[in-house]
Amino acid sequence: MGIHDRDYYRPESIYREPYRIQPQQSWVFAIIVVNIMIFFADAVRGEHQINSMLMMTSQTLANPLQWWRLVTYSFAHGDLMHLLFNMLALFIFGPLVERKYGPVEFMCFYFVTAVLGAVVWGILHLNTPGAMLGASGAISGVIMIVICSYPRMPIYLWGILEMPMWMMGTLFIGYDLLGLFGIGGNSNVAHDVHLLGVGVGALYWWLKWRISDFPLLFSPRYWQERKRRKRFFNPKDYSSRYNRGLDDEDDADSAQSDEAEKRSEQVDAILQKISEKGQDSLTWSERRILKRASREMQKKNKPK
């Protein structure tokens, strides 16, 4: 079976074949479900008792025993429209980021952005009584990654006006900048948290951060692998070719066949990893293997 016959190899453009959420392995789906459940539980309980326990307050940073609110505030929403807009945006843009970076990395980015938004908001409003709730800060970061990754992808504003992602991003950022200075914005909207999410998303994409790889920085094997980047195939895989006498054509052909089979197995494993965790989960050596295999295939299929 060739590479192009595999289920996880899709030559179609991302615009024609949109990513579909698979509930059994999607953090986007899980986050949306939890948000909806908390909203209706709060409505049934009445008087926003659950939201009061989850929301971020201006005094949270000063009380370490309340630091769990740095995360839980992102699951609380003030009204149905607040929930609807946030979850719709997450449903549309979240899967694109989850497919690009993998479910685990998406989850790490989402919650780290939410925590950073809460910390910055808490510092800016430390002496101002108030509270904050909603997932829009983290979702703003997700949207910014999509804007940077697919700037020309068409999007319909309010389902009517078609425009590229970069234009929607310009309007999105402009709205928050105006709101931050009190021009035409809603005073109940945390424009500063939105802009922080935008900034984190842009830096994350530009600097190619990988939050889930952070624990690896403390592993000696991680730094050893970084030093071994001169070759991407194991020299032992080729020892048979160079040590055999080429007078024996059968042996030489057999060696080449074995090497081709090993390369095919390596490519299979790498493509399967892309299918499960996203292309950005690949190591440097795996990217080189895939690039080498692509060049060999192009050379093989080149018309003579």
C-alpha atoms as a PDB file:
ATOM      1  CA  MET A   1       0.000   0.000   0.000  1.00  0.00           C
ATOM      2  CA  GLY A   2       1.409   3.374  -1.012  1.00  0.00           C
ATOM      3  CA  ILE A   3       1.572   6.506   1.101  1.00  0.00           C
ATOM      4  CA  HIS A   4      -1.262   8.121  -0.846  1.00  0.00           C
ATOM      5  CA  ASP A   5      -3.578   5.173  -0.060  1.00  0.00           C
ATOM      6  CA  ARG A   6      -3.402   5.601   3.701  1.00  0.00           C
ATOM      7  CA  ASP A   7      -6.416   7.002   5.565  1.00  0.00           C
ATOM      8  CA  TYR A   8      -4.409   9.685   7.303  1.00  0.00           C
ATOM      9  CA  TYR A   9      -2.809  11.073   4.121  1.00  0.00           C
ATOM     10  CA  ARG A  10      -5.072  13.792   2.756  1.00  0.00           C
ATOM     11  CA  PRO A  11      -3.879  15.892  -0.202  1.00  0.00           C
ATOM     12  CA  GLU A  12      -7.006  18.064  -0.089  1.00  0.00           C
ATOM     13  CA  SER A  13      -6.697  21.631   1.113  1.00  0.00           C
ATOM     14  CA  ILE A  14      -7.678  22.424   4.676  1.00  0.00           C
ATOM     15  CA  TYR A  15     -10.248  24.812   3.271  1.00  0.00           C
ATOM     16  CA  ARG A  16     -12.079  22.104   1.321  1.00  0.00           C
ATOM     17  CA  GLU A  17     -11.841  19.416   3.977  1.00  0.00           C
ATOM     18  CA  PRO A  18     -12.534  21.089   7.333  1.00  0.00           C
ATOM     19  CA  TYR A  19     -11.461  19.278  10.446  1.00  0.00           C
ATOM     20  CA  ARG A  20     -14.250  17.396  12.177  1.00  0.00           C
ATOM     21  CA  ILE A  21     -14.249  17.075  15.931  1.00  0.00           C
ATOM     22  CA  GLN A  22     -13.926  13.481  17.099  1.00  0.00           C
ATOM     23  CA  PRO A  23     -15.432  13.500  20.610  1.00  0.00           C
ATOM     24  CA  GLN A  24     -13.466  10.493  21.846  1.00  0.00           C
ATOM     25  CA  GLN A  25     -10.094  12.223  21.365  1.00  0.00           C
ATOM     26  CA  SER A  26     -10.821  15.954  21.243  1.00  0.00           C
ATOM     27  CA  TRP A  27     -10.077  18.388  24.057  1.00  0.00           C
ATOM     28  CA  VAL A  28     -12.074  21.014  22.181  1.00  0.00           C
ATOM     29  CA  PHE A  29     -15.180  18.880  22.504  1.00  0.00           C
ATOM     30  CA  ALA A  30     -14.465  18.215  26.183  1.00  0.00           C
ATOM     31  CA  ILE A  31     -13.969  21.910  27.000  1.00  0.00           C
ATOM     32  CA  ILE A  32     -17.197  22.879  25.233  1.00  0.00           C
ATOM     33  CA  VAL A  33     -19.186  20.197  27.065  1.00  0.00           C
ATOM     34  CA  VAL A  34     -17.809  21.215  30.469  1.00  0.00           C
ATOM     35  CA  ASN A  35     -18.592  24.896  29.809  1.00  0.00           C
ATOM     36  CA  ILE A  36     -22.176  24.095  28.830  1.00  0.00           C
ATOM     37  CA  MET A  37     -22.680  21.822  31.847  1.00  0.00           C
ATOM     38  CA  ILE A  38     -21.392  24.466  34.260  1.00  0.00           C
ATOM     39  CA  PHE A  39     -23.582  27.160  32.689  1.00  0.00           C
ATOM     40  CA  PHE A  40     -26.782  25.154  33.066  1.00  0.00           C
ATOM     41  CA  ALA A  41     -25.809  23.945  36.542  1.00  0.00           C
ATOM     42  CA  ASP A  42     -25.361  27.568  37.565  1.00  0.00           C
ATOM     43  CA  ALA A  43     -28.741  28.459  36.041  1.00  0.00           C
ATOM     44  CA  VAL A  44     -30.479  25.627  37.906  1.00  0.00           C
ATOM     45  CA  ARG A  45     -28.755  26.464  41.182  1.00  0.00           C
ATOM     46  CA  GLY A  46     -29.789  30.103  40.823  1.00  0.00           C
ATOM     47  CA  GLU A  47     -28.302  33.417  41.939  1.00  0.00           C
ATOM     48  CA  HIS A  48     -25.041  32.586  40.119  1.00  0.00           C
ATOM     49  CA  GLN A  49     -23.780  30.633  43.115  1.00  0.00           C
ATOM     50  CA  ILE A  50     -21.542  28.383  41.032  1.00  0.00           C
ATOM     51  CA  ASN A  51     -20.164  31.294  38.999  1.00  0.00           C
ATOM     52  CA  SER A  52     -19.341  33.092  42.231  1.00  0.00           C
ATOM     53  CA  MET A  53     -17.176  30.156  43.272  1.00  0.00           C
ATOM     54  CA  LEU A  54     -15.409  29.951  39.898  1.00  0.00           C
ATOM     55  CA  MET A  55     -14.888  33.553  38.796  1.00  0.00           C
ATOM     56  CA  MET A  56     -11.659  35.516  39.064  1.00  0.00           C
ATOM     57  CA  THR A  57     -11.785  38.430  41.495  1.00  0.00           C
ATOM     58  CA  SER A  58      -9.492  41.388  42.023  1.00  0.00           C
ATOM     59  CA  GLN A  59      -8.337  39.841  45.316  1.00  0.00           C
ATOM     60  CA  THR A  60      -7.542  36.368  43.991  1.00  0.00           C
ATOM     61  CA  LEU A  61      -3.819  36.970  43.460  1.00  0.00           C
ATOM     62  CA  ALA A  62      -3.436  38.207  47.018  1.00  0.00           C
ATOM     63  CA  ASN A  63      -4.912  34.976  48.382  1.00  0.00           C
ATOM     64  CA  PRO A  64      -2.954  31.850  47.315  1.00  0.00           C
ATOM     65  CA  LEU A  65      -5.747  29.635  48.645  1.00  0.00           C
ATOM     66  CA  GLN A  66      -7.933  31.043  45.879  1.00  0.00           C
ATOM     67  CA  TRP A  67      -5.494  30.537  43.002  1.00  0.00           C
ATOM     68  CA  TRP A  68      -7.605  27.735  41.531  1.00  0.00           C
ATOM     69  CA  ARG A  69      -9.785  30.563  40.217  1.00  0.00           C
ATOM     70  CA  LEU A  70      -6.989  31.350  37.727  1.00  0.00           C
ATOM     71  CA  VAL A  71      -8.287  28.360  35.754  1.00  0.00           C
ATOM     72  CA  THR A  72     -11.925  27.941  36.792  1.00  0.00           C
ATOM     73  CA  TYR A  73     -12.968  31.452  35.740  1.00  0.00           C
ATOM     74  CA  SER A  74     -12.621  30.324  32.113  1.00  0.00           C
ATOM     75  CA  PHE A  75     -15.483  27.837  32.617  1.00  0.00           C
ATOM     76  CA  ALA A  76     -17.962  30.423  33.941  1.00  0.00           C
ATOM     77  CA  HIS A  77     -20.131  32.645  31.708  1.00  0.00           C
ATOM     78  CA  GLY A  78     -22.444  35.488  32.605  1.00  0.00           C
ATOM     79  CA  ASP A  79     -25.332  34.812  30.238  1.00  0.00           C
ATOM     80  CA  LEU A  80     -26.413  32.632  27.319  1.00  0.00           C
ATOM     81  CA  MET A  81     -25.061  34.948  24.610  1.00  0.00           C
ATOM     82  CA  HIS A  82     -21.683  35.102  26.366  1.00  0.00           C
ATOM     83  CA  LEU A  83     -21.533  31.304  26.382  1.00  0.00           C
ATOM     84  CA  LEU A  84     -22.855  30.973  22.831  1.00  0.00           C
ATOM     85  CA  PHE A  85     -20.335  33.310  21.207  1.00  0.00           C
ATOM     86  CA  ASN A  86     -17.372  31.838  23.070  1.00  0.00           C
ATOM     87  CA  MET A  87     -18.266  28.215  22.415  1.00  0.00           C
ATOM     88  CA  LEU A  88     -19.103  28.907  18.766  1.00  0.00           C
ATOM     89  CA  ALA A  89     -15.690  30.515  18.270  1.00  0.00           C
ATOM     90  CA  LEU A  90     -14.003  27.606  20.032  1.00  0.00           C
ATOM     91  CA  PHE A  91     -15.962  25.112  17.934  1.00  0.00           C
ATOM     92  CA  ILE A  92     -14.938  26.844  14.681  1.00  0.00           C
ATOM     93  CA  PHE A  93     -11.276  27.652  15.373  1.00  0.00           C
ATOM     94  CA  GLY A  94     -10.278  25.224  18.125  1.00  0.00           C
ATOM     95  CA  PRO A  95     -10.167  22.094  15.928  1.00  0.00           C
ATOM     96  CA  LEU A  96      -7.797  23.793  13.463  1.00  0.00           C
ATOM     97  CA  VAL A  97      -5.287  24.449  16.244  1.00  0.00           C
ATOM     98  CA  GLU A  98      -5.845  21.032  17.819  1.00  0.00           C
ATOM     99  CA  ARG A  99      -5.135  19.308  14.519  1.00  0.00           C
ATOM    100  CA  LYS A 100      -2.033  21.436  13.894  1.00  0.00           C
ATOM    101  CA  TYR A 101      -0.410  20.904  17.292  1.00  0.00           C
ATOM    102  CA  GLY A 102      -2.131  17.825  18.691  1.00  0.00           C
ATOM    103  CA  PRO A 103      -4.715  17.499  21.513  1.00  0.00           C
ATOM    104  CA  VAL A 104      -2.220  17.631  24.397  1.00  0.00           C
ATOM    105  CA  GLU A 105      -0.391  20.708  23.129  1.00  0.00           C
ATOM    106  CA  PHE A 106      -3.724  22.417  22.410  1.00  0.00           C
ATOM    107  CA  MET A 107      -4.872  21.804  25.968  1.00  0.00           C
ATOM    108  CA  CYS A 108      -1.586  23.139  27.372  1.00  0.00           C
ATOM    109  CA  PHE A 109      -1.773  26.290  25.247  1.00  0.00           C
ATOM    110  CA  TYR A 110      -5.442  26.910  26.063  1.00  0.00           C
ATOM    111  CA  PHE A 111      -5.070  26.749  29.832  1.00  0.00           C
ATOM    112  CA  VAL A 112      -1.687  28.477  30.014  1.00  0.00           C
ATOM    113  CA  THR A 113      -3.188  31.381  28.044  1.00  0.00           C
ATOM    114  CA  ALA A 114      -6.193  31.419  30.351  1.00  0.00           C
ATOM    115  CA  VAL A 115      -3.953  31.550  33.438  1.00  0.00           C
ATOM    116  CA  LEU A 116      -1.755  34.306  31.979  1.00  0.00           C
ATOM    117  CA  GLY A 117      -4.866  36.321  31.178  1.00  0.00           C
ATOM    118  CA  ALA A 118      -6.119  35.946  34.747  1.00  0.00           C
ATOM    119  CA  VAL A 119      -2.747  36.930  36.238  1.00  0.00           C
ATOM    120  CA  VAL A 120      -2.426  40.056  34.083  1.00  0.00           C
ATOM    121  CA  TRP A 121      -6.027  41.051  34.750  1.00  0.00           C
ATOM    122  CA  GLY A 122      -5.519  40.521  38.486  1.00  0.00           C
ATOM    123  CA  ILE A 123      -2.419  42.735  38.498  1.00  0.00           C
ATOM    124  CA  LEU A 124      -4.129  45.517  36.533  1.00  0.00           C
ATOM    125  CA  HIS A 125      -7.221  45.439  38.761  1.00  0.00           C
ATOM    126  CA  LEU A 126      -5.580  44.670  42.084  1.00  0.00           C
ATOM    127  CA  ASN A 127      -6.927  47.834  43.693  1.00  0.00           C
ATOM    128  CA  THR A 128     -10.205  47.907  41.775  1.00  0.00           C
ATOM    129  CA  PRO A 129     -13.151  45.854  43.080  1.00  0.00           C
ATOM    130  CA  GLY A 130     -14.493  43.609  40.364  1.00  0.00           C
ATOM    131  CA  ALA A 131     -14.635  40.119  38.901  1.00  0.00           C
ATOM    132  CA  MET A 132     -13.913  38.405  35.594  1.00  0.00           C
ATOM    133  CA  LEU A 133     -15.301  35.273  33.994  1.00  0.00           C
ATOM    134  CA  GLY A 134     -15.364  33.660  30.559  1.00  0.00           C
ATOM    135  CA  ALA A 135     -13.088  31.797  28.159  1.00  0.00           C
ATOM    136  CA  SER A 136     -12.640  34.626  25.655  1.00  0.00           C
ATOM    137  CA  GLY A 137      -9.010  35.333  26.622  1.00  0.00           C
ATOM    138  CA  ALA A 138      -7.868  31.790  25.853  1.00  0.00           C
ATOM    139  CA  ILE A 139     -10.084  31.644  22.764  1.00  0.00           C
ATOM    140  CA  SER A 140      -8.547  34.908  21.516  1.00  0.00           C
ATOM    141  CA  GLY A 141      -5.162  33.164  21.605  1.00  0.00           C
ATOM    142  CA  VAL A 142      -6.576  30.220  19.653  1.00  0.00           C
ATOM    143  CA  ILE A 143      -8.063  32.545  17.032  1.00  0.00           C
ATOM    144  CA  MET A 144      -4.747  34.398  16.678  1.00  0.00           C
ATOM    145  CA  ILE A 145      -2.906  31.149  15.942  1.00  0.00           C
ATOM    146  CA  VAL A 146      -5.433  30.412  13.189  1.00  0.00           C
ATOM    147  CA  ILE A 147      -4.996  33.935  11.776  1.00  0.00           C
ATOM    148  CA  CYS A 148      -1.197  33.532  11.683  1.00  0.00           C
ATOM    149  CA  SER A 149      -1.305  29.985  10.327  1.00  0.00           C
ATOM    150  CA  TYR A 150      -4.010  30.454   7.686  1.00  0.00           C
ATOM    151  CA  PRO A 151      -4.152  34.209   6.898  1.00  0.00           C
ATOM    152  CA  ARG A 152      -5.919  33.716   3.548  1.00  0.00           C
ATOM    153  CA  MET A 153      -8.462  31.183   4.738  1.00  0.00           C
ATOM    154  CA  PRO A 154     -11.958  32.525   3.953  1.00  0.00           C
ATOM    155  CA  ILE A 155     -14.291  33.204   6.860  1.00  0.00           C
ATOM    156  CA  TYR A 156     -17.850  34.532   6.889  1.00  0.00           C
ATOM    157  CA  LEU A 157     -18.427  37.335   9.372  1.00  0.00           C
ATOM    158  CA  TRP A 158     -21.827  36.775  10.966  1.00  0.00           C
ATOM    159  CA  GLY A 159     -22.327  34.114   8.303  1.00  0.00           C
ATOM    160  CA  ILE A 160     -22.824  36.775   5.611  1.00  0.00           C
ATOM    161  CA  LEU A 161     -19.732  38.778   4.698  1.00  0.00           C
ATOM    162  CA  GLU A 162     -16.832  36.736   3.306  1.00  0.00           C
ATOM    163  CA  MET A 163     -13.317  37.900   4.144  1.00  0.00           C
ATOM    164  CA  PRO A 164      -9.862  36.372   4.683  1.00  0.00           C
ATOM    165  CA  MET A 165      -8.740  35.536   8.182  1.00  0.00           C
ATOM    166  CA  TRP A 166      -6.160  38.343   8.284  1.00  0.00           C
ATOM    167  CA  MET A 167      -8.893  40.920   7.677  1.00  0.00           C
ATOM    168  CA  MET A 168     -11.107  39.451  10.380  1.00  0.00           C
ATOM    169  CA  GLY A 169      -8.112  39.519  12.706  1.00  0.00           C
ATOM    170  CA  THR A 170      -7.533  43.193  11.947  1.00  0.00           C
ATOM    171  CA  LEU A 171     -11.143  44.001  12.847  1.00  0.00           C
ATOM    172  CA  PHE A 172     -10.961  41.786  15.917  1.00  0.00           C
ATOM    173  CA  ILE A 173      -7.805  43.440  17.273  1.00  0.00           C
ATOM    174  CA  GLY A 174      -9.011  46.917  16.330  1.00  0.00           C
ATOM    175  CA  TYR A 175     -12.243  46.418  18.250  1.00  0.00           C
ATOM    176  CA  ASP A 176     -10.354  45.423  21.403  1.00  0.00           C
ATOM    177  CA  LEU A 177      -7.857  48.271  21.060  1.00  0.00           C
ATOM    178  CA  LEU A 178     -10.686  50.795  20.809  1.00  0.00           C
ATOM    179  CA  GLY A 179     -12.495  49.154  23.711  1.00  0.00           C
ATOM    180  CA  LEU A 180      -9.340  49.220  25.811  1.00  0.00           C
ATOM    181  CA  PHE A 181      -9.319  53.015  25.570  1.00  0.00           C
ATOM    182  CA  GLY A 182     -13.047  53.271  26.109  1.00  0.00           C
ATOM    183  CA  ILE A 183     -13.949  54.082  22.507  1.00  0.00           C
ATOM    184  CA  GLY A 184     -17.115  52.354  21.368  1.00  0.00           C
ATOM    185  CA  GLY A 185     -16.471  49.278  23.502  1.00  0.00           C
ATOM    186  CA  ASN A 186     -18.473  47.548  26.188  1.00  0.00           C
ATOM    187  CA  SER A 187     -17.191  48.392  29.664  1.00  0.00           C
ATOM    188  CA  ASN A 188     -18.108  44.876  30.804  1.00  0.00           C
ATOM    189  CA  VAL A 189     -15.746  43.274  28.262  1.00  0.00           C
ATOM    190  CA  ALA A 190     -12.197  42.424  29.363  1.00  0.00           C
ATOM    191  CA  HIS A 191     -10.483  43.891  26.299  1.00  0.00           C
ATOM    192  CA  ASP A 192      -7.102  43.739  28.028  1.00  0.00           C
ATOM    193  CA  VAL A 193      -7.424  39.967  28.474  1.00  0.00           C
ATOM    194  CA  HIS A 194      -8.472  39.567  24.834  1.00  0.00           C
ATOM    195  CA  LEU A 195      -5.392  41.463  23.676  1.00  0.00           C
ATOM    196  CA  LEU A 196      -3.161  39.442  25.970  1.00  0.00           C
ATOM    197  CA  GLY A 197      -4.533  36.260  24.404  1.00  0.00           C
ATOM    198  CA  VAL A 198      -3.848  37.706  20.949  1.00  0.00           C
ATOM    199  CA  GLY A 199      -0.273  38.518  21.942  1.00  0.00           C
ATOM    200  CA  VAL A 200       0.363  35.092  23.444  1.00  0.00           C
ATOM    201  CA  GLY A 201      -1.063  33.386  20.356  1.00  0.00           C
ATOM    202  CA  ALA A 202       1.079  35.464  18.004  1.00  0.00           C
ATOM    203  CA  LEU A 203       4.280  34.836  19.989  1.00  0.00           C
ATOM    204  CA  TYR A 204       3.476  31.151  20.320  1.00  0.00           C
ATOM    205  CA  TRP A 205       3.150  30.833  16.547  1.00  0.00           C
ATOM    206  CA  TRP A 206       6.100  33.078  15.686  1.00  0.00           C
ATOM    207  CA  LEU A 207       8.580  31.587  18.165  1.00  0.00           C
ATOM    208  CA  LYS A 208       7.300  28.033  17.654  1.00  0.00           C
ATOM    209  CA  TRP A 209       6.824  27.413  21.368  1.00  0.00           C
ATOM    210  CA  ARG A 210       5.777  23.957  22.492  1.00  0.00           C
ATOM    211  CA  ILE A 211       4.422  24.098  26.026  1.00  0.00           C
ATOM    212  CA  SER A 212       4.032  20.333  26.371  1.00  0.00           C
ATOM    213  CA  ASP A 213       7.770  19.954  25.680  1.00  0.00           C
ATOM    214  CA  PHE A 214       8.734  22.088  28.680  1.00  0.00           C
ATOM    215  CA  PRO A 215       9.371  19.098  31.019  1.00  0.00           C
ATOM    216  CA  LEU A 216      11.791  17.700  28.422  1.00  0.00           C
ATOM    217  CA  LEU A 217      14.139  20.642  29.024  1.00  0.00           C
ATOM    218  CA  PHE A 218      15.117  18.949  32.282  1.00  0.00           C
ATOM    219  CA  SER A 219      15.890  15.650  30.564  1.00  0.00           C
ATOM    220  CA  PRO A 220      19.523  14.880  29.569  1.00  0.00           C
ATOM    221  CA  ARG A 221      18.245  12.824  26.624  1.00  0.00           C
ATOM    222  CA  TYR A 222      16.566  15.909  25.161  1.00  0.00           C
ATOM    223  CA  TRP A 223      19.864  17.814  25.006  1.00  0.00           C
ATOM    224  CA  GLN A 224      21.733  14.761  23.735  1.00  0.00           C
ATOM    225  CA  GLU A 225      19.269  14.481  20.859  1.00  0.00           C
ATOM    226  CA  ARG A 226      19.765  18.127  19.968  1.00  0.00           C
ATOM    227  CA  LYS A 227      23.486  17.467  19.586  1.00  0.00           C
ATOM    228  CA  ARG A 228      22.917  14.516  17.283  1.00  0.00           C
ATOM    229  CA  ARG A 229      21.391  16.388  14.351  1.00  0.00           C
ATOM    230  CA  LYS A 230      24.016  15.864  11.696  1.00  0.00           C
ATOM    231  CA  ARG A 231      22.497  12.634  10.423  1.00  0.00           C
ATOM    232  CA  PHE A 232      18.890  11.528  10.306  1.00  0.00           C
ATOM    233  CA  PHE A 233      19.397   7.896   9.298  1.00  0.00           C
ATOM    234  CA  ASN A 234      21.205   5.390  11.462  1.00  0.00           C
ATOM    235  CA  PRO A 235      24.589   4.630   9.804  1.00  0.00           C
ATOM    236  CA  LYS A 236      24.104   0.971  10.732  1.00  0.00           C
ATOM    237  CA  ASP A 237      21.206   0.843   8.283  1.00  0.00           C
ATOM    238  CA  TYR A 238      23.677   1.424   5.449  1.00  0.00           C
ATOM    239  CA  SER A 239      26.612  -0.643   6.707  1.00  0.00           C
ATOM    240  CA  SER A 240      25.528  -3.674   4.713  1.00  0.00           C
ATOM    241  CA  ARG A 241      25.697  -1.725   1.428  1.00  0.00           C
ATOM    242  CA  TYR A 242      29.178  -0.352   1.972  1.00  0.00           C
ATOM    243  CA  ASN A 243      30.664  -3.536   3.435  1.00  0.00           C
ATOM    244  CA  ARG A 244      29.418  -5.873   0.688  1.00  0.00           C
ATOM    245  CA  GLY A 245      31.213  -6.442  -2.573  1.00  0.00           C
ATOM    246  CA  LEU A 246      29.227  -4.832  -5.365  1.00  0.00           C
ATOM    247  CA  ASP A 247      30.301  -7.613  -7.731  1.00  0.00           C
ATOM    248  CA  ASP A 248      27.520  -9.636  -6.218  1.00  0.00           C
ATOM    249  CA  GLU A 249      24.546  -7.799  -7.721  1.00  0.00           C
ATOM    250  CA  ASP A 250      22.004  -9.978  -5.967  1.00  0.00           C
ATOM    251  CA  ASP A 251      23.424  -9.093  -2.553  1.00  0.00           C
ATOM    252  CA  ALA A 252      23.491  -5.419  -3.446  1.00  0.00           C
ATOM    253  CA  ASP A 253      19.871  -5.482  -4.624  1.00  0.00           C
ATOM    254  CA  SER A 254      18.871  -7.327  -1.463  1.00  0.00           C
ATOM    255  CA  ALA A 255      20.572  -4.719   0.711  1.00  0.00           C
ATOM    256  CA  GLN A 256      18.857  -1.889  -1.134  1.00  0.00           C
ATOM    257  CA  SER A 257      15.519  -3.642  -0.778  1.00  0.00           C
ATOM    258  CA  ASP A 258      16.030  -4.008   2.985  1.00  0.00           C
ATOM    259  CA  GLU A 259      16.949  -0.353   3.308  1.00  0.00           C
ATOM    260  CA  ALA A 260      13.914   0.737   1.306  1.00  0.00           C
ATOM    261  CA  GLU A 261      11.683  -1.407   3.515  1.00  0.00           C
ATOM    262  CA  LYS A 262      13.167   0.133   6.671  1.00  0.00           C
ATOM    263  CA  ARG A 263      12.651   3.629   5.311  1.00  0.00           C
ATOM    264  CA  SER A 264       9.065   2.763   4.437  1.00  0.00           C
ATOM    265  CA  GLU A 265       8.465   1.549   7.997  1.00  0.00           C
ATOM    266  CA  GLN A 266       9.962   4.756   9.362  1.00  0.00           C
ATOM    267  CA  VAL A 267       7.710   6.861   7.144  1.00  0.00           C
ATOM    268  CA  ASP A 268       4.668   4.800   8.194  1.00  0.00           C
ATOM    269  CA  ALA A 269       5.417   5.430  11.856  1.00  0.00           C
ATOM    270  CA  ILE A 270       5.970   9.160  11.296  1.00  0.00           C
ATOM    271  CA  LEU A 271       2.749   9.601   9.313  1.00  0.00           C
ATOM    272  CA  GLN A 272       0.825   7.726  11.975  1.00  0.00           C
ATOM    273  CA  LYS A 273       2.284  10.066  14.593  1.00  0.00           C
ATOM    274  CA  ILE A 274       1.144  13.069  12.536  1.00  0.00           C
ATOM    275  CA  SER A 275      -2.330  11.569  12.368  1.00  0.00           C
ATOM    276  CA  GLU A 276      -2.521  11.133  16.147  1.00  0.00           C
ATOM    277  CA  LYS A 277      -0.571  14.125  17.519  1.00  0.00           C
ATOM    278  CA  GLY A 278      -0.251  16.671  14.714  1.00  0.00           C
ATOM    279  CA  GLN A 279       2.676  17.550  12.458  1.00  0.00           C
ATOM    280  CA  ASP A 280       4.248  19.872  15.020  1.00  0.00           C
ATOM    281  CA  SER A 281       4.852  16.930  17.368  1.00  0.00           C
ATOM    282  CA  LEU A 282       7.628  15.639  15.059  1.00  0.00           C
ATOM    283  CA  THR A 283      11.253  15.750  16.139  1.00  0.00           C
ATOM    284  CA  TRP A 284      13.967  17.256  13.973  1.00  0.00           C
ATOM    285  CA  SER A 285      15.196  13.846  12.811  1.00  0.00           C
ATOM    286  CA  GLU A 286      11.663  12.694  11.911  1.00  0.00           C
ATOM    287  CA  ARG A 287      11.154  15.810   9.792  1.00  0.00           C
ATOM    288  CA  ARG A 288      14.414  15.069   7.946  1.00  0.00           C
ATOM    289  CA  ILE A 289      13.356  11.471   7.316  1.00  0.00           C
ATOM    290  CA  LEU A 290      10.024  12.624   5.914  1.00  0.00           C
ATOM    291  CA  LYS A 291      11.696  15.260   3.733  1.00  0.00           C
ATOM    292  CA  ARG A 292      14.192  12.713   2.382  1.00  0.00           C
ATOM    293  CA  ALA A 293      11.386  10.261   1.582  1.00  0.00           C
ATOM    294  CA  SER A 294       9.456  13.001  -0.211  1.00  0.00           C
ATOM    295  CA  ARG A 295      12.464  13.882  -2.374  1.00  0.00           C
ATOM    296  CA  GLU A 296      13.030  10.239  -3.272  1.00  0.00           C
ATOM    297  CA  MET A 297       9.387   9.814  -4.251  1.00  0.00           C
ATOM    298  CA  GLN A 298       9.452  12.939  -6.423  1.00  0.00           C
ATOM    299  CA  LYS A 299      12.629  11.737  -8.130  1.00  0.00           C
ATOM    300  CA  LYS A 300      11.116   8.300  -8.689  1.00  0.00           C
ATOM    301  CA  ASN A 301       7.879   9.695 -10.164  1.00  0.00           C
ATOM    302  CA  LYS A 302       9.641  12.313 -12.302  1.00  0.00           C
ATOM    303  CA  PRO A 303       8.900  11.666 -15.995  1.00  0.00           C
ATOM    304  CA  LYS A 304      11.936  10.619 -18.016  1.00  0.00           C
END
